[in-house]
Amino acid sequence: MSVHLADQDRQALIVALSHLPGLAAADTAVLPELTGLGAVTCGTDTAEDGRRVWAVLDL
């Protein structure tokens, strides 16, 4: 697993990448929990390089 951080326009993007291809979609409770913690927007997707979960937070 790796975590990537970026910032732009007083917002931070946090991405967690599993690096394990073929994983199913994340638990449906994850995104509402991120929103409850203050994420402006968040999402999840899968690709050849693994599953990503991301969130954008105001700084």
N, C-alpha and C. Protein backbone atom coordinates (compact mmCIF):
# COMPACT_ATOMS: atom_id res chain seq x y z
N MET A 1 0.85 -1.17 0.00
CA MET A 1 0.00 0.00 0.00
C MET A 1 0.89 1.23 0.00
N SER A 2 0.43 2.24 -0.72
CA SER A 2 1.13 3.52 -0.69
C SER A 2 0.11 4.64 -0.55
N VAL A 3 0.59 5.75 0.00
CA VAL A 3 -0.26 6.93 0.18
C VAL A 3 0.42 8.08 -0.54
N HIS A 4 -0.36 8.80 -1.34
CA HIS A 4 0.15 9.93 -2.11
C HIS A 4 -0.58 11.19 -1.68
N LEU A 5 0.15 12.29 -1.57
CA LEU A 5 -0.41 13.56 -1.14
C LEU A 5 -0.09 14.64 -2.17
N ALA A 6 -1.05 15.53 -2.40
CA ALA A 6 -0.82 16.68 -3.28
C ALA A 6 -1.66 17.84 -2.75
N ASP A 7 -1.23 19.07 -3.05
CA ASP A 7 -2.03 20.22 -2.64
C ASP A 7 -2.14 21.20 -3.79
N GLN A 8 -3.28 21.89 -3.83
CA GLN A 8 -3.52 22.92 -4.84
C GLN A 8 -4.71 23.75 -4.39
N ASP A 9 -4.62 25.05 -4.55
CA ASP A 9 -5.74 25.95 -4.24
C ASP A 9 -6.33 25.72 -2.85
N ARG A 10 -5.46 25.60 -1.85
CA ARG A 10 -5.88 25.43 -0.45
C ARG A 10 -6.69 24.17 -0.21
N GLN A 11 -6.41 23.14 -1.01
CA GLN A 11 -7.02 21.82 -0.82
C GLN A 11 -5.93 20.76 -0.89
N ALA A 12 -6.14 19.66 -0.19
CA ALA A 12 -5.20 18.54 -0.22
C ALA A 12 -5.90 17.33 -0.82
N LEU A 13 -5.19 16.62 -1.68
CA LEU A 13 -5.66 15.36 -2.24
C LEU A 13 -4.87 14.25 -1.58
N ILE A 14 -5.57 13.27 -1.01
CA ILE A 14 -4.94 12.12 -0.39
C ILE A 14 -5.44 10.89 -1.14
N VAL A 15 -4.49 10.08 -1.63
CA VAL A 15 -4.82 8.87 -2.39
C VAL A 15 -4.13 7.69 -1.73
N ALA A 16 -4.88 6.64 -1.43
CA ALA A 16 -4.32 5.38 -0.95
C ALA A 16 -4.46 4.36 -2.06
N LEU A 17 -3.35 3.72 -2.43
CA LEU A 17 -3.32 2.75 -3.52
C LEU A 17 -2.91 1.39 -2.98
N SER A 18 -3.68 0.35 -3.30
CA SER A 18 -3.43 -0.98 -2.74
C SER A 18 -2.30 -1.73 -3.44
N HIS A 19 -2.04 -1.47 -4.71
CA HIS A 19 -1.02 -2.17 -5.51
C HIS A 19 -1.34 -3.64 -5.71
N LEU A 20 -2.58 -4.07 -5.45
CA LEU A 20 -2.99 -5.45 -5.68
C LEU A 20 -4.08 -5.44 -6.74
N PRO A 21 -3.78 -5.83 -7.98
CA PRO A 21 -4.79 -5.79 -9.04
C PRO A 21 -5.93 -6.76 -8.78
N GLY A 22 -7.09 -6.40 -9.30
CA GLY A 22 -8.24 -7.29 -9.26
C GLY A 22 -9.05 -7.27 -7.99
N LEU A 23 -8.80 -6.35 -7.07
CA LEU A 23 -9.60 -6.29 -5.85
C LEU A 23 -10.99 -5.75 -6.14
N ALA A 24 -11.95 -6.20 -5.39
CA ALA A 24 -13.32 -5.71 -5.53
C ALA A 24 -13.42 -4.28 -5.02
N ALA A 25 -14.53 -3.62 -5.32
CA ALA A 25 -14.76 -2.25 -4.87
C ALA A 25 -14.71 -2.19 -3.35
N ALA A 26 -14.35 -1.03 -2.84
CA ALA A 26 -14.21 -0.82 -1.40
C ALA A 26 -15.55 -0.99 -0.69
N ASP A 27 -15.49 -1.26 0.58
CA ASP A 27 -16.66 -1.33 1.44
C ASP A 27 -17.48 -0.05 1.27
N THR A 28 -18.79 -0.18 1.16
CA THR A 28 -19.66 0.99 0.93
C THR A 28 -19.69 1.95 2.10
N ALA A 29 -19.19 1.57 3.26
CA ALA A 29 -19.18 2.46 4.43
C ALA A 29 -18.00 3.43 4.41
N VAL A 30 -16.99 3.16 3.57
CA VAL A 30 -15.77 3.97 3.59
C VAL A 30 -16.03 5.40 3.13
N LEU A 31 -16.70 5.58 1.99
CA LEU A 31 -16.88 6.93 1.46
C LEU A 31 -17.75 7.82 2.35
N PRO A 32 -18.88 7.34 2.88
CA PRO A 32 -19.63 8.19 3.80
C PRO A 32 -18.83 8.56 5.05
N GLU A 33 -17.98 7.66 5.50
CA GLU A 33 -17.14 7.97 6.67
C GLU A 33 -16.13 9.07 6.34
N LEU A 34 -15.53 9.02 5.14
CA LEU A 34 -14.60 10.08 4.74
C LEU A 34 -15.31 11.43 4.66
N THR A 35 -16.51 11.44 4.12
CA THR A 35 -17.30 12.67 4.05
C THR A 35 -17.61 13.18 5.45
N GLY A 36 -17.93 12.29 6.36
CA GLY A 36 -18.21 12.66 7.74
C GLY A 36 -16.99 13.24 8.45
N LEU A 37 -15.80 12.87 7.98
CA LEU A 37 -14.57 13.41 8.57
C LEU A 37 -14.16 14.74 7.95
N GLY A 38 -14.96 15.23 6.98
CA GLY A 38 -14.69 16.55 6.41
C GLY A 38 -14.21 16.56 4.98
N ALA A 39 -14.22 15.43 4.30
CA ALA A 39 -13.80 15.42 2.89
C ALA A 39 -14.78 16.23 2.05
N VAL A 40 -14.25 17.09 1.18
CA VAL A 40 -15.06 17.87 0.26
C VAL A 40 -15.65 16.94 -0.79
N THR A 41 -14.84 16.02 -1.27
CA THR A 41 -15.26 14.99 -2.21
C THR A 41 -14.35 13.79 -2.02
N CYS A 42 -14.84 12.61 -2.41
CA CYS A 42 -14.04 11.41 -2.28
C CYS A 42 -14.55 10.36 -3.26
N GLY A 43 -13.76 9.32 -3.46
CA GLY A 43 -14.18 8.28 -4.38
C GLY A 43 -13.26 7.09 -4.31
N THR A 44 -13.60 6.08 -5.08
CA THR A 44 -12.80 4.87 -5.16
C THR A 44 -12.91 4.31 -6.57
N ASP A 45 -11.86 3.68 -7.02
CA ASP A 45 -11.90 3.01 -8.31
C ASP A 45 -10.86 1.90 -8.34
N THR A 46 -10.96 1.04 -9.33
CA THR A 46 -9.99 -0.02 -9.51
C THR A 46 -9.37 0.12 -10.89
N ALA A 47 -8.12 -0.27 -10.98
CA ALA A 47 -7.38 -0.23 -12.24
C ALA A 47 -6.39 -1.38 -12.24
N GLU A 48 -5.61 -1.47 -13.31
CA GLU A 48 -4.63 -2.55 -13.41
C GLU A 48 -3.61 -2.53 -12.28
N ASP A 49 -3.34 -1.33 -11.73
CA ASP A 49 -2.34 -1.23 -10.67
C ASP A 49 -2.92 -1.39 -9.27
N GLY A 50 -4.22 -1.64 -9.13
CA GLY A 50 -4.83 -1.87 -7.83
C GLY A 50 -6.01 -0.97 -7.57
N ARG A 51 -6.49 -1.00 -6.36
CA ARG A 51 -7.65 -0.18 -5.96
C ARG A 51 -7.17 1.12 -5.36
N ARG A 52 -7.83 2.22 -5.72
CA ARG A 52 -7.51 3.54 -5.17
C ARG A 52 -8.71 4.05 -4.39
N VAL A 53 -8.42 4.65 -3.26
CA VAL A 53 -9.41 5.41 -2.49
C VAL A 53 -8.82 6.80 -2.34
N TRP A 54 -9.61 7.84 -2.66
CA TRP A 54 -9.09 9.19 -2.62
C TRP A 54 -10.08 10.13 -1.94
N ALA A 55 -9.53 11.22 -1.40
CA ALA A 55 -10.35 12.24 -0.76
C ALA A 55 -9.68 13.61 -0.95
N VAL A 56 -10.51 14.63 -1.10
CA VAL A 56 -10.04 16.02 -1.18
C VAL A 56 -10.51 16.74 0.08
N LEU A 57 -9.58 17.40 0.75
CA LEU A 57 -9.87 18.11 2.00
C LEU A 57 -9.48 19.57 1.86
N ASP A 58 -10.30 20.46 2.42
CA ASP A 58 -9.92 21.86 2.49
C ASP A 58 -8.81 22.03 3.52
N LEU A 59 -7.84 22.89 3.23
CA LEU A 59 -6.76 23.16 4.18
C LEU A 59 -7.06 24.38 5.01
